[in-house]
Amino acid sequence: MAPSLLGAEVDRGVPLNVGVYIGAANMLSTMLSVEELIKLFKGELEEEIAFSRMTRNRITYLTAPLAIGIKDHMGHFILSDDDLDKTFEVTSKAGLIFMSHTQDPDHAERLANLSKGQPLHLGHATAAGCGTHGDPAESMARVIDLCKKDNITAEFVTTMLRKGRGSREGLLMDKKAQELAYQALEQGLVKILISDGQNDATMKGFGDTRDNIPALLELAEMGILSLSDIATMTYNPAYLIAERTGNNCVERKSRSFGNRGLSQYNRK
């Protein structure tokens, strides 16, 4: 019911443009087949099938097409290869983003191998550089190496890129891993900066929106990005969502968001 609940919050005046990711395990828990799930998210599933094989709550399946992606999270449920194959098929054919929680490099590499060239987005990838699942610098390097593949994109958390390398509510990034993240930004391997959850929220994340602009200014002062690279927080995320979901609210370009042919993407 996440899309409908979010819609209620937006109607109350929450000043944010946001999208909903549905948990992969939750998506796969109904009686719907892969083909039916694809039709569900495309808004084409027959109501009789949704009512008998998914939920008795009409608003849940009627708002399902408002989801922008499916999220895999190794910290909650580890899915089988078969279930991940199903998830990739649904996201690829239904026009959804496949996002994976990126903290354990082993899991990220497993997802990359299972993607078989299908689009995969690595969420808050700087978390790999915090040392919770092995050497932080090595883990960060492994995740960055995945970003060199054409079908894989990633995002970095602004709070972790600042001098403090994180917040006490979240995780602290290793300094060597942070330097590797700086290099990936400078080389254009990662083109999206995000905040994750708010530090003063009940459900805390790895960062905070209050660090977004300061982080960008500091990265510009260090010569890693230019001030025109505000696109890493604005146009680039919107363009990625537009390309993956087929939403034409963002001006479409003939070139893709893949890593090749976009070396000047943020310089415009």
C-alpha atoms as a PDB file:
ATOM      1  CA  MET A   1       0.000   0.000   0.000  1.00  0.00           C
ATOM      2  CA  ALA A   2       3.033   2.281  -0.044  1.00  0.00           C
ATOM      3  CA  PRO A   3       2.039   4.321  -3.143  1.00  0.00           C
ATOM      4  CA  SER A   4      -1.391   5.160  -1.725  1.00  0.00           C
ATOM      5  CA  LEU A   5       0.029   6.033   1.699  1.00  0.00           C
ATOM      6  CA  LEU A   6       2.637   8.258   0.095  1.00  0.00           C
ATOM      7  CA  GLY A   7      -0.067   9.931  -1.954  1.00  0.00           C
ATOM      8  CA  ALA A   8      -1.904  10.774   1.245  1.00  0.00           C
ATOM      9  CA  GLU A   9       1.237  12.370   2.680  1.00  0.00           C
ATOM     10  CA  VAL A  10       1.842  14.404  -0.477  1.00  0.00           C
ATOM     11  CA  ASP A  11      -1.777  15.591  -0.379  1.00  0.00           C
ATOM     12  CA  ARG A  12      -1.114  16.920   3.125  1.00  0.00           C
ATOM     13  CA  GLY A  13       1.581  19.158   1.693  1.00  0.00           C
ATOM     14  CA  VAL A  14       4.889  17.359   2.248  1.00  0.00           C
ATOM     15  CA  PRO A  15       7.342  19.519   0.213  1.00  0.00           C
ATOM     16  CA  LEU A  16       9.172  16.665  -1.455  1.00  0.00           C
ATOM     17  CA  ASN A  17       9.220  14.969  -4.832  1.00  0.00           C
ATOM     18  CA  VAL A  18       9.601  11.299  -3.988  1.00  0.00           C
ATOM     19  CA  GLY A  19       9.086   7.840  -5.403  1.00  0.00           C
ATOM     20  CA  VAL A  20       8.201   4.475  -3.933  1.00  0.00           C
ATOM     21  CA  TYR A  21      10.317   1.335  -3.967  1.00  0.00           C
ATOM     22  CA  ILE A  22       8.537  -1.905  -3.076  1.00  0.00           C
ATOM     23  CA  GLY A  23      10.473  -4.659  -1.315  1.00  0.00           C
ATOM     24  CA  ALA A  24      11.326  -7.557  -3.614  1.00  0.00           C
ATOM     25  CA  ALA A  25      10.323 -10.152  -1.033  1.00  0.00           C
ATOM     26  CA  ASN A  26       6.970  -8.418  -0.571  1.00  0.00           C
ATOM     27  CA  MET A  27       6.351  -8.307  -4.317  1.00  0.00           C
ATOM     28  CA  LEU A  28       7.069 -12.030  -4.696  1.00  0.00           C
ATOM     29  CA  SER A  29       4.896 -13.080  -1.748  1.00  0.00           C
ATOM     30  CA  THR A  30       1.565 -12.934  -3.602  1.00  0.00           C
ATOM     31  CA  MET A  31       0.037 -15.543  -5.895  1.00  0.00           C
ATOM     32  CA  LEU A  32       0.717 -13.456  -8.991  1.00  0.00           C
ATOM     33  CA  SER A  33       2.972 -14.939 -11.656  1.00  0.00           C
ATOM     34  CA  VAL A  34       5.860 -12.990 -13.156  1.00  0.00           C
ATOM     35  CA  GLU A  35       3.733 -12.186 -16.201  1.00  0.00           C
ATOM     36  CA  GLU A  36       0.909 -10.954 -13.962  1.00  0.00           C
ATOM     37  CA  LEU A  37       3.284  -8.850 -11.869  1.00  0.00           C
ATOM     38  CA  ILE A  38       4.538  -7.167 -15.027  1.00  0.00           C
ATOM     39  CA  LYS A  39       0.964  -6.363 -16.024  1.00  0.00           C
ATOM     40  CA  LEU A  40       0.244  -5.133 -12.477  1.00  0.00           C
ATOM     41  CA  PHE A  41       3.009  -2.538 -12.509  1.00  0.00           C
ATOM     42  CA  LYS A  42       2.116  -1.491 -16.041  1.00  0.00           C
ATOM     43  CA  GLY A  43      -1.474  -0.919 -14.953  1.00  0.00           C
ATOM     44  CA  GLU A  44      -2.773  -3.666 -17.236  1.00  0.00           C
ATOM     45  CA  LEU A  45      -3.688  -6.444 -14.781  1.00  0.00           C
ATOM     46  CA  GLU A  46      -7.328  -7.515 -14.850  1.00  0.00           C
ATOM     47  CA  GLU A  47      -9.087  -6.499 -11.650  1.00  0.00           C
ATOM     48  CA  GLU A  48     -10.553  -9.971 -11.190  1.00  0.00           C
ATOM     49  CA  ILE A  49      -7.069 -11.515 -11.147  1.00  0.00           C
ATOM     50  CA  ALA A  50      -5.694  -8.865  -8.764  1.00  0.00           C
ATOM     51  CA  PHE A  51      -8.686  -9.332  -6.465  1.00  0.00           C
ATOM     52  CA  SER A  52      -8.339 -13.116  -6.327  1.00  0.00           C
ATOM     53  CA  ARG A  53      -4.532 -13.568  -6.475  1.00  0.00           C
ATOM     54  CA  MET A  54      -3.057 -10.441  -4.861  1.00  0.00           C
ATOM     55  CA  THR A  55      -5.264  -8.543  -2.418  1.00  0.00           C
ATOM     56  CA  ARG A  56      -8.867  -7.760  -1.553  1.00  0.00           C
ATOM     57  CA  ASN A  57      -7.884  -4.112  -1.128  1.00  0.00           C
ATOM     58  CA  ARG A  58      -8.549  -2.325  -4.433  1.00  0.00           C
ATOM     59  CA  ILE A  59      -6.402   0.712  -3.626  1.00  0.00           C
ATOM     60  CA  THR A  60      -3.332  -1.511  -3.232  1.00  0.00           C
ATOM     61  CA  TYR A  61      -3.377  -2.861  -6.764  1.00  0.00           C
ATOM     62  CA  LEU A  62      -4.834   0.241  -8.376  1.00  0.00           C
ATOM     63  CA  THR A  63      -1.886   2.340  -7.120  1.00  0.00           C
ATOM     64  CA  ALA A  64       0.779  -0.304  -7.820  1.00  0.00           C
ATOM     65  CA  PRO A  65       1.668   1.345 -11.182  1.00  0.00           C
ATOM     66  CA  LEU A  66       2.792   4.419  -9.206  1.00  0.00           C
ATOM     67  CA  ALA A  67       5.792   2.522  -7.822  1.00  0.00           C
ATOM     68  CA  ILE A  68       9.084   3.504  -9.464  1.00  0.00           C
ATOM     69  CA  GLY A  69      11.099   0.472  -8.491  1.00  0.00           C
ATOM     70  CA  ILE A  70      11.710  -2.733  -6.569  1.00  0.00           C
ATOM     71  CA  LYS A  71      14.332  -2.908  -3.827  1.00  0.00           C
ATOM     72  CA  ASP A  72      16.429  -5.881  -2.763  1.00  0.00           C
ATOM     73  CA  HIS A  73      17.912  -5.606   0.738  1.00  0.00           C
ATOM     74  CA  MET A  74      20.340  -8.227   2.012  1.00  0.00           C
ATOM     75  CA  GLY A  75      19.906  -6.819   5.543  1.00  0.00           C
ATOM     76  CA  HIS A  76      16.253  -7.882   5.595  1.00  0.00           C
ATOM     77  CA  PHE A  77      15.784 -10.946   3.363  1.00  0.00           C
ATOM     78  CA  ILE A  78      18.285 -12.786   1.164  1.00  0.00           C
ATOM     79  CA  LEU A  79      16.462 -13.968  -1.935  1.00  0.00           C
ATOM     80  CA  SER A  80      17.255 -17.075  -3.958  1.00  0.00           C
ATOM     81  CA  ASP A  81      18.766 -16.799  -7.429  1.00  0.00           C
ATOM     82  CA  ASP A  82      15.416 -17.813  -8.876  1.00  0.00           C
ATOM     83  CA  ASP A  83      13.574 -15.046  -7.037  1.00  0.00           C
ATOM     84  CA  LEU A  84      16.171 -12.489  -8.068  1.00  0.00           C
ATOM     85  CA  ASP A  85      15.853 -13.628 -11.682  1.00  0.00           C
ATOM     86  CA  LYS A  86      12.103 -13.057 -11.394  1.00  0.00           C
ATOM     87  CA  THR A  87      12.676  -9.605  -9.918  1.00  0.00           C
ATOM     88  CA  PHE A  88      15.024  -8.616 -12.731  1.00  0.00           C
ATOM     89  CA  GLU A  89      12.477  -9.821 -15.289  1.00  0.00           C
ATOM     90  CA  VAL A  90       9.679  -7.817 -13.670  1.00  0.00           C
ATOM     91  CA  THR A  91      11.699  -4.609 -13.369  1.00  0.00           C
ATOM     92  CA  SER A  92      13.126  -4.859 -16.870  1.00  0.00           C
ATOM     93  CA  LYS A  93       9.797  -5.551 -18.578  1.00  0.00           C
ATOM     94  CA  ALA A  94       7.547  -3.382 -16.402  1.00  0.00           C
ATOM     95  CA  GLY A  95       9.737  -0.293 -16.573  1.00  0.00           C
ATOM     96  CA  LEU A  96      10.897  -0.236 -12.952  1.00  0.00           C
ATOM     97  CA  ILE A  97      14.216   0.484 -11.289  1.00  0.00           C
ATOM     98  CA  PHE A  98      15.927  -2.462  -9.591  1.00  0.00           C
ATOM     99  CA  MET A  99      17.704  -1.031  -6.559  1.00  0.00           C
ATOM    100  CA  SER A 100      19.873  -3.053  -4.223  1.00  0.00           C
ATOM    101  CA  HIS A 101      21.083  -2.107  -0.742  1.00  0.00           C
ATOM    102  CA  THR A 102      24.834  -1.714  -1.236  1.00  0.00           C
ATOM    103  CA  GLN A 103      26.779  -2.390   1.936  1.00  0.00           C
ATOM    104  CA  ASP A 104      28.125  -5.902   1.468  1.00  0.00           C
ATOM    105  CA  PRO A 105      30.328  -6.103  -1.670  1.00  0.00           C
ATOM    106  CA  ASP A 106      29.766  -9.869  -1.924  1.00  0.00           C
ATOM    107  CA  HIS A 107      26.037  -9.292  -2.252  1.00  0.00           C
ATOM    108  CA  ALA A 108      26.491  -6.432  -4.719  1.00  0.00           C
ATOM    109  CA  GLU A 109      28.676  -8.638  -6.926  1.00  0.00           C
ATOM    110  CA  ARG A 110      26.125 -11.436  -6.716  1.00  0.00           C
ATOM    111  CA  LEU A 111      23.393  -9.067  -7.923  1.00  0.00           C
ATOM    112  CA  ALA A 112      25.632  -7.784 -10.718  1.00  0.00           C
ATOM    113  CA  ASN A 113      26.291 -11.334 -11.923  1.00  0.00           C
ATOM    114  CA  LEU A 114      22.600 -12.221 -11.811  1.00  0.00           C
ATOM    115  CA  SER A 115      21.618  -9.059 -13.668  1.00  0.00           C
ATOM    116  CA  LYS A 116      22.901 -10.512 -16.967  1.00  0.00           C
ATOM    117  CA  GLY A 117      23.104  -7.036 -18.449  1.00  0.00           C
ATOM    118  CA  GLN A 118      19.741  -5.891 -17.101  1.00  0.00           C
ATOM    119  CA  PRO A 119      19.662  -2.503 -15.309  1.00  0.00           C
ATOM    120  CA  LEU A 120      20.752  -2.468 -11.660  1.00  0.00           C
ATOM    121  CA  HIS A 121      21.083   0.539  -9.352  1.00  0.00           C
ATOM    122  CA  LEU A 122      23.354   0.342  -6.287  1.00  0.00           C
ATOM    123  CA  GLY A 123      21.742   2.334  -3.476  1.00  0.00           C
ATOM    124  CA  HIS A 124      23.868   4.402  -1.042  1.00  0.00           C
ATOM    125  CA  ALA A 125      27.002   2.702  -2.342  1.00  0.00           C
ATOM    126  CA  THR A 126      29.298   4.628   0.029  1.00  0.00           C
ATOM    127  CA  ALA A 127      28.040   2.315   2.798  1.00  0.00           C
ATOM    128  CA  ALA A 128      30.363  -0.336   1.364  1.00  0.00           C
ATOM    129  CA  GLY A 129      33.269   1.834   2.513  1.00  0.00           C
ATOM    130  CA  CYS A 130      32.307   1.708   6.185  1.00  0.00           C
ATOM    131  CA  GLY A 131      33.908  -1.658   6.942  1.00  0.00           C
ATOM    132  CA  THR A 132      30.853  -3.557   8.154  1.00  0.00           C
ATOM    133  CA  HIS A 133      31.477  -6.389   5.670  1.00  0.00           C
ATOM    134  CA  GLY A 134      35.241  -6.610   5.236  1.00  0.00           C
ATOM    135  CA  ASP A 135      38.064  -4.163   4.593  1.00  0.00           C
ATOM    136  CA  PRO A 136      36.407  -0.792   3.835  1.00  0.00           C
ATOM    137  CA  ALA A 137      38.781   0.380   1.101  1.00  0.00           C
ATOM    138  CA  GLU A 138      38.746  -2.991  -0.654  1.00  0.00           C
ATOM    139  CA  SER A 139      34.952  -3.166  -0.369  1.00  0.00           C
ATOM    140  CA  MET A 140      34.580   0.332  -1.801  1.00  0.00           C
ATOM    141  CA  ALA A 141      36.924  -0.506  -4.673  1.00  0.00           C
ATOM    142  CA  ARG A 142      34.922  -3.624  -5.521  1.00  0.00           C
ATOM    143  CA  VAL A 143      31.652  -1.690  -5.633  1.00  0.00           C
ATOM    144  CA  ILE A 144      33.180   1.092  -7.730  1.00  0.00           C
ATOM    145  CA  ASP A 145      34.493  -1.524 -10.137  1.00  0.00           C
ATOM    146  CA  LEU A 146      30.902  -2.701 -10.660  1.00  0.00           C
ATOM    147  CA  CYS A 147      29.968   0.845 -11.679  1.00  0.00           C
ATOM    148  CA  LYS A 148      32.140   0.474 -14.768  1.00  0.00           C
ATOM    149  CA  LYS A 149      29.546  -1.886 -16.254  1.00  0.00           C
ATOM    150  CA  ASP A 150      27.101  -0.268 -18.684  1.00  0.00           C
ATOM    151  CA  ASN A 151      24.005  -1.657 -16.963  1.00  0.00           C
ATOM    152  CA  ILE A 152      24.964  -0.576 -13.426  1.00  0.00           C
ATOM    153  CA  THR A 153      24.508   2.833 -11.824  1.00  0.00           C
ATOM    154  CA  ALA A 154      25.129   3.922  -8.243  1.00  0.00           C
ATOM    155  CA  GLU A 155      24.650   6.746  -5.800  1.00  0.00           C
ATOM    156  CA  PHE A 156      26.809   8.182  -3.009  1.00  0.00           C
ATOM    157  CA  VAL A 157      25.575   9.620   0.296  1.00  0.00           C
ATOM    158  CA  THR A 158      26.563  13.276   0.750  1.00  0.00           C
ATOM    159  CA  THR A 159      27.060  13.018   4.523  1.00  0.00           C
ATOM    160  CA  MET A 160      29.718  10.348   4.041  1.00  0.00           C
ATOM    161  CA  LEU A 161      31.599  12.535   1.562  1.00  0.00           C
ATOM    162  CA  ARG A 162      32.055  15.377   4.041  1.00  0.00           C
ATOM    163  CA  LYS A 163      34.936  15.841   6.496  1.00  0.00           C
ATOM    164  CA  GLY A 164      33.170  13.906   9.257  1.00  0.00           C
ATOM    165  CA  ARG A 165      32.768  10.889   6.893  1.00  0.00           C
ATOM    166  CA  GLY A 166      29.271  10.156   8.210  1.00  0.00           C
ATOM    167  CA  SER A 167      27.019  10.785  11.172  1.00  0.00           C
ATOM    168  CA  ARG A 168      26.739   9.241  14.599  1.00  0.00           C
ATOM    169  CA  GLU A 169      23.211   8.097  13.723  1.00  0.00           C
ATOM    170  CA  GLY A 170      24.510   6.116  10.763  1.00  0.00           C
ATOM    171  CA  LEU A 171      27.901   4.755   9.753  1.00  0.00           C
ATOM    172  CA  LEU A 172      31.330   6.343   9.423  1.00  0.00           C
ATOM    173  CA  MET A 173      33.178   5.916   6.156  1.00  0.00           C
ATOM    174  CA  ASP A 174      36.838   4.897   6.131  1.00  0.00           C
ATOM    175  CA  LYS A 175      39.130   7.702   4.931  1.00  0.00           C
ATOM    176  CA  LYS A 176      40.811   5.563   2.245  1.00  0.00           C
ATOM    177  CA  ALA A 177      37.414   4.407   1.039  1.00  0.00           C
ATOM    178  CA  GLN A 178      36.281   8.031   0.944  1.00  0.00           C
ATOM    179  CA  GLU A 179      39.234   8.911  -1.300  1.00  0.00           C
ATOM    180  CA  LEU A 180      38.201   6.131  -3.672  1.00  0.00           C
ATOM    181  CA  ALA A 181      34.677   7.566  -3.726  1.00  0.00           C
ATOM    182  CA  TYR A 182      36.100  11.001  -4.581  1.00  0.00           C
ATOM    183  CA  GLN A 183      37.984   9.464  -7.515  1.00  0.00           C
ATOM    184  CA  ALA A 184      34.844   7.714  -8.770  1.00  0.00           C
ATOM    185  CA  LEU A 185      32.965  11.025  -8.730  1.00  0.00           C
ATOM    186  CA  GLU A 186      35.787  12.860 -10.470  1.00  0.00           C
ATOM    187  CA  GLN A 187      35.975  10.171 -13.164  1.00  0.00           C
ATOM    188  CA  GLY A 188      32.212  10.237 -13.703  1.00  0.00           C
ATOM    189  CA  LEU A 189      31.689   6.605 -12.685  1.00  0.00           C
ATOM    190  CA  VAL A 190      29.059   7.726 -10.165  1.00  0.00           C
ATOM    191  CA  LYS A 191      26.779  10.595 -11.148  1.00  0.00           C
ATOM    192  CA  ILE A 192      24.196  10.721  -8.361  1.00  0.00           C
ATOM    193  CA  LEU A 193      24.438  12.137  -4.839  1.00  0.00           C
ATOM    194  CA  ILE A 194      21.688  11.497  -2.293  1.00  0.00           C
ATOM    195  CA  SER A 195      20.913  11.969   1.393  1.00  0.00           C
ATOM    196  CA  ASP A 196      19.268   8.681   2.457  1.00  0.00           C
ATOM    197  CA  GLY A 197      17.192   8.905   5.670  1.00  0.00           C
ATOM    198  CA  GLN A 198      17.090  11.955   7.928  1.00  0.00           C
ATOM    199  CA  ASN A 199      19.186  11.986  11.111  1.00  0.00           C
ATOM    200  CA  ASP A 200      16.280  13.408  13.129  1.00  0.00           C
ATOM    201  CA  ALA A 201      13.755  10.899  11.799  1.00  0.00           C
ATOM    202  CA  THR A 202      12.466   7.776  13.495  1.00  0.00           C
ATOM    203  CA  MET A 203      13.768   5.596  10.663  1.00  0.00           C
ATOM    204  CA  LYS A 204      17.305   6.921  10.366  1.00  0.00           C
ATOM    205  CA  GLY A 205      19.530   6.306   7.392  1.00  0.00           C
ATOM    206  CA  PHE A 206      23.139   6.985   6.471  1.00  0.00           C
ATOM    207  CA  GLY A 207      22.824  10.708   5.774  1.00  0.00           C
ATOM    208  CA  ASP A 208      20.734  13.859   5.878  1.00  0.00           C
ATOM    209  CA  THR A 209      19.411  16.345   3.323  1.00  0.00           C
ATOM    210  CA  ARG A 210      21.041  19.149   5.322  1.00  0.00           C
ATOM    211  CA  ASP A 211      24.407  17.868   4.104  1.00  0.00           C
ATOM    212  CA  ASN A 212      23.524  17.988   0.394  1.00  0.00           C
ATOM    213  CA  ILE A 213      24.451  21.546  -0.541  1.00  0.00           C
ATOM    214  CA  PRO A 214      27.414  21.803   1.896  1.00  0.00           C
ATOM    215  CA  ALA A 215      28.806  18.550   0.471  1.00  0.00           C
ATOM    216  CA  LEU A 216      28.509  19.833  -3.085  1.00  0.00           C
ATOM    217  CA  LEU A 217      30.270  23.102  -2.186  1.00  0.00           C
ATOM    218  CA  GLU A 218      33.062  21.205  -0.435  1.00  0.00           C
ATOM    219  CA  LEU A 219      33.494  18.819  -3.367  1.00  0.00           C
ATOM    220  CA  ALA A 220      33.763  21.842  -5.668  1.00  0.00           C
ATOM    221  CA  GLU A 221      36.343  23.459  -3.373  1.00  0.00           C
ATOM    222  CA  MET A 222      38.386  20.244  -3.515  1.00  0.00           C
ATOM    223  CA  GLY A 223      38.198  20.243  -7.311  1.00  0.00           C
ATOM    224  CA  ILE A 224      36.371  16.908  -7.424  1.00  0.00           C
ATOM    225  CA  LEU A 225      33.199  18.341  -8.939  1.00  0.00           C
ATOM    226  CA  SER A 226      32.280  21.709 -10.388  1.00  0.00           C
ATOM    227  CA  LEU A 227      29.392  23.811  -9.148  1.00  0.00           C
ATOM    228  CA  SER A 228      27.548  22.924 -12.346  1.00  0.00           C
ATOM    229  CA  ASP A 229      27.525  19.360 -11.043  1.00  0.00           C
ATOM    230  CA  ILE A 230      24.450  20.229  -8.975  1.00  0.00           C
ATOM    231  CA  ALA A 231      22.971  17.881 -11.597  1.00  0.00           C
ATOM    232  CA  THR A 232      24.195  15.014  -9.411  1.00  0.00           C
ATOM    233  CA  MET A 233      21.333  15.887  -7.029  1.00  0.00           C
ATOM    234  CA  THR A 234      18.761  17.206  -9.479  1.00  0.00           C
ATOM    235  CA  TYR A 235      18.755  16.353 -13.167  1.00  0.00           C
ATOM    236  CA  ASN A 236      20.774  13.138 -13.010  1.00  0.00           C
ATOM    237  CA  PRO A 237      18.478  11.279 -10.558  1.00  0.00           C
ATOM    238  CA  ALA A 238      15.409  12.532 -12.429  1.00  0.00           C
ATOM    239  CA  TYR A 239      16.902  11.467 -15.757  1.00  0.00           C
ATOM    240  CA  LEU A 240      17.764   7.997 -14.467  1.00  0.00           C
ATOM    241  CA  ILE A 241      14.220   7.501 -13.179  1.00  0.00           C
ATOM    242  CA  ALA A 242      12.773   8.811 -16.446  1.00  0.00           C
ATOM    243  CA  GLU A 243      14.932   6.497 -18.527  1.00  0.00           C
ATOM    244  CA  ARG A 244      14.283   3.390 -16.453  1.00  0.00           C
ATOM    245  CA  THR A 245      10.544   3.941 -15.964  1.00  0.00           C
ATOM    246  CA  GLY A 246       9.663   5.473 -19.323  1.00  0.00           C
ATOM    247  CA  ASN A 247       8.280   8.575 -17.638  1.00  0.00           C
ATOM    248  CA  ASN A 248       8.739  11.419 -20.110  1.00  0.00           C
ATOM    249  CA  CYS A 249       8.483  14.266 -17.587  1.00  0.00           C
ATOM    250  CA  VAL A 250      12.235  14.767 -17.981  1.00  0.00           C
ATOM    251  CA  GLU A 251      13.646  15.815 -21.354  1.00  0.00           C
ATOM    252  CA  ARG A 252      14.871  12.651 -23.006  1.00  0.00           C
ATOM    253  CA  LYS A 253      18.231  12.443 -24.761  1.00  0.00           C
ATOM    254  CA  SER A 254      19.215  10.084 -27.538  1.00  0.00           C
ATOM    255  CA  ARG A 255      22.115   8.799 -25.453  1.00  0.00           C
ATOM    256  CA  SER A 256      21.559   6.499 -22.501  1.00  0.00           C
ATOM    257  CA  PHE A 257      22.538   6.882 -18.862  1.00  0.00           C
ATOM    258  CA  GLY A 258      25.138   4.121 -19.263  1.00  0.00           C
ATOM    259  CA  ASN A 259      28.739   4.802 -18.309  1.00  0.00           C
ATOM    260  CA  ARG A 260      29.952   5.091 -21.897  1.00  0.00           C
ATOM    261  CA  GLY A 261      29.430   8.293 -23.810  1.00  0.00           C
ATOM    262  CA  LEU A 262      28.526  10.345 -20.733  1.00  0.00           C
ATOM    263  CA  SER A 263      31.881  11.757 -19.694  1.00  0.00           C
ATOM    264  CA  GLN A 264      30.572  15.292 -20.175  1.00  0.00           C
ATOM    265  CA  TYR A 265      27.091  14.544 -18.846  1.00  0.00           C
ATOM    266  CA  ASN A 266      27.427  16.612 -15.663  1.00  0.00           C
ATOM    267  CA  ARG A 267      29.379  19.402 -17.347  1.00  0.00           C
ATOM    268  CA  LYS A 268      26.468  20.820 -19.312  1.00  0.00           C
END
